[in-house]
Amino acid sequence: MINLQVRSEAGAIEARATHGVLWGPELAALDQSVFPMLGHLLPYADTVFNSRQVVTLLAEVPRLPPDVVTDEFARELLDLGRTVLDGQQLYLWFLGV
């Protein structure tokens, strides 16, 4: 399971998703040249995106093949990404559990 949070530069959790994404073959098989942000996620490690990287990440979400992530997770990912872009010194964390 990979969970999603928005954290401040100091590490405080500002927002979190209620839905995680299960690591599976669809997510593992994403072509990193087509999905440079989501293609680098790992099931066992945290991945952090800054606001510049979030812009690229948000552009990837609508192009994802079916069944890579749930609709609920995709909506929350877009919402939390916008939270990062609307704030200052915020980061989007994917937390591998």
N, C-alpha and C. Protein backbone atom coordinates (compact mmCIF):
# COMPACT_ATOMS: atom_id res chain seq x y z
N MET A 1 0.85 -1.18 0.00
CA MET A 1 0.00 0.00 0.00
C MET A 1 0.89 1.23 0.00
N ILE A 2 0.51 2.21 -0.79
CA ILE A 2 1.19 3.50 -0.80
C ILE A 2 0.16 4.55 -0.40
N ASN A 3 0.49 5.30 0.64
CA ASN A 3 -0.39 6.36 1.12
C ASN A 3 0.14 7.70 0.64
N LEU A 4 -0.69 8.73 0.77
CA LEU A 4 -0.38 10.04 0.22
C LEU A 4 -0.62 11.12 1.26
N GLN A 5 0.35 12.03 1.42
CA GLN A 5 0.23 13.14 2.36
C GLN A 5 0.83 14.41 1.76
N VAL A 6 0.36 15.54 2.26
CA VAL A 6 1.01 16.83 2.01
C VAL A 6 1.68 17.22 3.31
N ARG A 7 2.97 17.53 3.23
CA ARG A 7 3.73 17.92 4.42
C ARG A 7 4.40 19.26 4.19
N SER A 8 4.57 19.97 5.28
CA SER A 8 5.30 21.24 5.23
C SER A 8 6.80 20.94 5.19
N GLU A 9 7.57 21.98 4.98
CA GLU A 9 9.02 21.82 4.97
C GLU A 9 9.52 21.29 6.32
N ALA A 10 8.83 21.66 7.40
CA ALA A 10 9.20 21.20 8.74
C ALA A 10 8.72 19.77 9.02
N GLY A 11 7.94 19.20 8.10
CA GLY A 11 7.48 17.83 8.26
C GLY A 11 6.09 17.66 8.82
N ALA A 12 5.42 18.77 9.15
CA ALA A 12 4.05 18.68 9.66
C ALA A 12 3.11 18.20 8.56
N ILE A 13 2.21 17.29 8.91
CA ILE A 13 1.23 16.79 7.95
C ILE A 13 0.13 17.84 7.81
N GLU A 14 -0.01 18.38 6.61
CA GLU A 14 -1.00 19.42 6.32
C GLU A 14 -2.30 18.83 5.79
N ALA A 15 -2.22 17.71 5.08
CA ALA A 15 -3.39 17.03 4.51
C ALA A 15 -2.99 15.60 4.20
N ARG A 16 -4.00 14.73 4.12
CA ARG A 16 -3.71 13.34 3.78
C ARG A 16 -4.86 12.74 3.00
N ALA A 17 -4.56 11.77 2.18
CA ALA A 17 -5.58 11.06 1.42
C ALA A 17 -6.24 10.02 2.32
N THR A 18 -7.49 9.75 2.06
CA THR A 18 -8.18 8.68 2.79
C THR A 18 -8.06 7.36 2.05
N HIS A 19 -7.67 7.40 0.79
CA HIS A 19 -7.48 6.19 -0.02
C HIS A 19 -6.01 6.06 -0.38
N GLY A 20 -5.48 4.87 -0.25
CA GLY A 20 -4.14 4.58 -0.72
C GLY A 20 -4.22 3.88 -2.07
N VAL A 21 -3.07 3.55 -2.58
CA VAL A 21 -3.02 2.79 -3.83
C VAL A 21 -2.26 1.50 -3.56
N LEU A 22 -2.82 0.39 -4.00
CA LEU A 22 -2.15 -0.89 -3.84
C LEU A 22 -1.06 -1.03 -4.89
N TRP A 23 0.08 -1.50 -4.44
CA TRP A 23 1.16 -1.78 -5.38
C TRP A 23 0.81 -3.05 -6.12
N GLY A 24 0.81 -2.99 -7.41
CA GLY A 24 0.48 -4.15 -8.22
C GLY A 24 1.21 -4.11 -9.53
N PRO A 25 0.99 -5.08 -10.38
CA PRO A 25 1.71 -5.16 -11.64
C PRO A 25 1.45 -3.97 -12.57
N GLU A 26 0.25 -3.40 -12.51
CA GLU A 26 -0.07 -2.26 -13.38
C GLU A 26 0.79 -1.04 -13.01
N LEU A 27 0.92 -0.78 -11.72
CA LEU A 27 1.73 0.36 -11.27
C LEU A 27 3.21 0.08 -11.48
N ALA A 28 3.63 -1.14 -11.20
CA ALA A 28 5.03 -1.52 -11.37
C ALA A 28 5.48 -1.46 -12.83
N ALA A 29 4.55 -1.67 -13.75
CA ALA A 29 4.90 -1.73 -15.17
C ALA A 29 4.83 -0.39 -15.88
N LEU A 30 4.53 0.69 -15.17
CA LEU A 30 4.46 2.00 -15.85
C LEU A 30 5.80 2.32 -16.51
N ASP A 31 5.74 2.75 -17.73
CA ASP A 31 6.93 3.14 -18.49
C ASP A 31 7.43 4.47 -17.93
N GLN A 32 8.64 4.46 -17.38
CA GLN A 32 9.20 5.68 -16.78
C GLN A 32 9.44 6.79 -17.78
N SER A 33 9.58 6.46 -19.04
CA SER A 33 9.76 7.52 -20.03
C SER A 33 8.44 8.23 -20.35
N VAL A 34 7.32 7.55 -20.12
CA VAL A 34 6.00 8.12 -20.36
C VAL A 34 5.43 8.72 -19.08
N PHE A 35 5.72 8.09 -17.95
CA PHE A 35 5.24 8.53 -16.63
C PHE A 35 6.45 8.73 -15.71
N PRO A 36 7.21 9.81 -15.93
CA PRO A 36 8.46 9.97 -15.18
C PRO A 36 8.27 10.13 -13.67
N MET A 37 7.15 10.63 -13.23
CA MET A 37 6.93 10.79 -11.79
C MET A 37 6.38 9.50 -11.17
N LEU A 38 5.23 9.06 -11.64
CA LEU A 38 4.61 7.86 -11.07
C LEU A 38 5.42 6.60 -11.37
N GLY A 39 6.17 6.62 -12.44
CA GLY A 39 6.99 5.46 -12.79
C GLY A 39 8.15 5.23 -11.85
N HIS A 40 8.44 6.18 -10.98
CA HIS A 40 9.55 6.04 -10.05
C HIS A 40 9.10 5.69 -8.63
N LEU A 41 7.82 5.46 -8.42
CA LEU A 41 7.36 5.08 -7.09
C LEU A 41 7.87 3.69 -6.74
N LEU A 42 8.09 3.48 -5.45
CA LEU A 42 8.49 2.17 -4.94
C LEU A 42 7.52 1.75 -3.85
N PRO A 43 7.24 0.45 -3.74
CA PRO A 43 6.26 0.00 -2.75
C PRO A 43 6.77 0.04 -1.32
N TYR A 44 8.08 0.14 -1.13
CA TYR A 44 8.67 0.02 0.20
C TYR A 44 9.41 1.28 0.66
N ALA A 45 9.33 2.34 -0.11
CA ALA A 45 10.08 3.55 0.22
C ALA A 45 9.21 4.77 0.02
N ASP A 46 9.57 5.85 0.69
CA ASP A 46 8.86 7.11 0.52
C ASP A 46 9.42 7.85 -0.70
N THR A 47 8.54 8.57 -1.38
CA THR A 47 8.92 9.40 -2.51
C THR A 47 8.32 10.77 -2.28
N VAL A 48 9.12 11.82 -2.43
CA VAL A 48 8.68 13.18 -2.13
C VAL A 48 8.80 14.03 -3.40
N PHE A 49 7.73 14.78 -3.68
CA PHE A 49 7.73 15.68 -4.83
C PHE A 49 7.58 17.12 -4.36
N ASN A 50 8.40 18.00 -4.93
CA ASN A 50 8.26 19.43 -4.65
C ASN A 50 7.24 20.02 -5.64
N SER A 51 6.96 21.29 -5.51
CA SER A 51 5.90 21.91 -6.32
C SER A 51 6.20 21.84 -7.82
N ARG A 52 7.44 21.96 -8.22
CA ARG A 52 7.76 21.87 -9.65
C ARG A 52 7.52 20.47 -10.17
N GLN A 53 7.83 19.46 -9.38
CA GLN A 53 7.61 18.09 -9.79
C GLN A 53 6.13 17.73 -9.78
N VAL A 54 5.38 18.34 -8.87
CA VAL A 54 3.94 18.08 -8.78
C VAL A 54 3.24 18.51 -10.07
N VAL A 55 3.70 19.58 -10.70
CA VAL A 55 3.11 20.01 -11.97
C VAL A 55 3.19 18.89 -13.00
N THR A 56 4.34 18.25 -13.12
CA THR A 56 4.51 17.13 -14.05
C THR A 56 3.66 15.94 -13.61
N LEU A 57 3.64 15.66 -12.33
CA LEU A 57 2.85 14.56 -11.80
C LEU A 57 1.36 14.72 -12.11
N LEU A 58 0.83 15.91 -11.92
CA LEU A 58 -0.60 16.14 -12.17
C LEU A 58 -0.95 15.96 -13.64
N ALA A 59 -0.01 16.25 -14.53
CA ALA A 59 -0.25 16.04 -15.96
C ALA A 59 -0.28 14.56 -16.31
N GLU A 60 0.35 13.72 -15.50
CA GLU A 60 0.37 12.28 -15.77
C GLU A 60 -0.95 11.60 -15.41
N VAL A 61 -1.61 12.07 -14.38
CA VAL A 61 -2.78 11.37 -13.83
C VAL A 61 -3.87 11.13 -14.87
N PRO A 62 -4.28 12.13 -15.66
CA PRO A 62 -5.35 11.87 -16.63
C PRO A 62 -4.95 10.89 -17.74
N ARG A 63 -3.65 10.69 -17.94
CA ARG A 63 -3.18 9.80 -19.01
C ARG A 63 -2.94 8.37 -18.54
N LEU A 64 -3.15 8.10 -17.26
CA LEU A 64 -2.88 6.76 -16.74
C LEU A 64 -3.76 5.72 -17.42
N PRO A 65 -3.21 4.56 -17.70
CA PRO A 65 -4.03 3.47 -18.23
C PRO A 65 -5.09 3.06 -17.21
N PRO A 66 -6.16 2.45 -17.65
CA PRO A 66 -7.20 2.00 -16.72
C PRO A 66 -6.64 1.02 -15.68
N ASP A 67 -7.19 1.10 -14.49
CA ASP A 67 -6.90 0.15 -13.41
C ASP A 67 -5.52 0.28 -12.79
N VAL A 68 -4.78 1.35 -13.08
CA VAL A 68 -3.50 1.55 -12.39
C VAL A 68 -3.77 2.09 -10.99
N VAL A 69 -4.65 3.07 -10.90
CA VAL A 69 -5.10 3.59 -9.60
C VAL A 69 -6.62 3.68 -9.64
N THR A 70 -7.22 3.72 -8.46
CA THR A 70 -8.68 3.86 -8.40
C THR A 70 -9.07 5.30 -8.71
N ASP A 71 -10.31 5.50 -9.08
CA ASP A 71 -10.81 6.85 -9.33
C ASP A 71 -10.71 7.71 -8.07
N GLU A 72 -11.00 7.11 -6.91
CA GLU A 72 -10.94 7.83 -5.64
C GLU A 72 -9.51 8.32 -5.36
N PHE A 73 -8.54 7.42 -5.58
CA PHE A 73 -7.16 7.81 -5.34
C PHE A 73 -6.73 8.89 -6.33
N ALA A 74 -7.12 8.76 -7.59
CA ALA A 74 -6.76 9.76 -8.60
C ALA A 74 -7.32 11.14 -8.22
N ARG A 75 -8.57 11.18 -7.75
CA ARG A 75 -9.16 12.46 -7.33
C ARG A 75 -8.40 13.06 -6.16
N GLU A 76 -8.08 12.22 -5.19
CA GLU A 76 -7.35 12.73 -4.03
C GLU A 76 -5.93 13.17 -4.41
N LEU A 77 -5.31 12.45 -5.30
CA LEU A 77 -3.98 12.83 -5.78
C LEU A 77 -4.02 14.20 -6.45
N LEU A 78 -5.02 14.42 -7.29
CA LEU A 78 -5.15 15.72 -7.95
C LEU A 78 -5.44 16.83 -6.92
N ASP A 79 -6.31 16.55 -5.96
CA ASP A 79 -6.64 17.55 -4.94
C ASP A 79 -5.43 17.88 -4.06
N LEU A 80 -4.72 16.86 -3.61
CA LEU A 80 -3.56 17.11 -2.76
C LEU A 80 -2.43 17.76 -3.55
N GLY A 81 -2.30 17.43 -4.82
CA GLY A 81 -1.31 18.10 -5.66
C GLY A 81 -1.62 19.58 -5.79
N ARG A 82 -2.89 19.91 -5.95
CA ARG A 82 -3.28 21.33 -6.02
C ARG A 82 -3.02 22.03 -4.69
N THR A 83 -3.20 21.31 -3.59
CA THR A 83 -2.89 21.88 -2.27
C THR A 83 -1.42 22.28 -2.20
N VAL A 84 -0.55 21.42 -2.71
CA VAL A 84 0.88 21.73 -2.73
C VAL A 84 1.13 22.97 -3.58
N LEU A 85 0.51 23.03 -4.75
CA LEU A 85 0.73 24.16 -5.65
C LEU A 85 0.17 25.47 -5.10
N ASP A 86 -0.90 25.39 -4.34
CA ASP A 86 -1.52 26.59 -3.78
C ASP A 86 -0.83 27.09 -2.52
N GLY A 87 0.01 26.26 -1.91
CA GLY A 87 0.67 26.63 -0.66
C GLY A 87 2.10 27.08 -0.89
N GLN A 88 2.80 27.20 0.21
CA GLN A 88 4.21 27.56 0.16
C GLN A 88 5.01 26.53 0.94
N GLN A 89 6.10 26.10 0.37
CA GLN A 89 7.00 25.14 0.99
C GLN A 89 6.26 23.87 1.43
N LEU A 90 5.41 23.37 0.54
CA LEU A 90 4.69 22.13 0.78
C LEU A 90 5.21 21.05 -0.17
N TYR A 91 5.11 19.81 0.26
CA TYR A 91 5.62 18.69 -0.50
C TYR A 91 4.59 17.57 -0.52
N LEU A 92 4.52 16.86 -1.62
CA LEU A 92 3.62 15.74 -1.75
C LEU A 92 4.42 14.45 -1.48
N TRP A 93 4.00 13.73 -0.46
CA TRP A 93 4.69 12.51 -0.03
C TRP A 93 3.88 11.28 -0.41
N PHE A 94 4.52 10.33 -1.09
CA PHE A 94 3.99 8.99 -1.28
C PHE A 94 4.72 8.12 -0.26
N LEU A 95 3.97 7.52 0.62
CA LEU A 95 4.56 6.74 1.71
C LEU A 95 4.35 5.25 1.49
N GLY A 96 5.43 4.55 1.19
CA GLY A 96 5.35 3.11 1.02
C GLY A 96 5.21 2.45 2.38
N VAL A 97 4.24 1.58 2.48
CA VAL A 97 3.98 0.92 3.77
C VAL A 97 4.29 -0.56 3.65
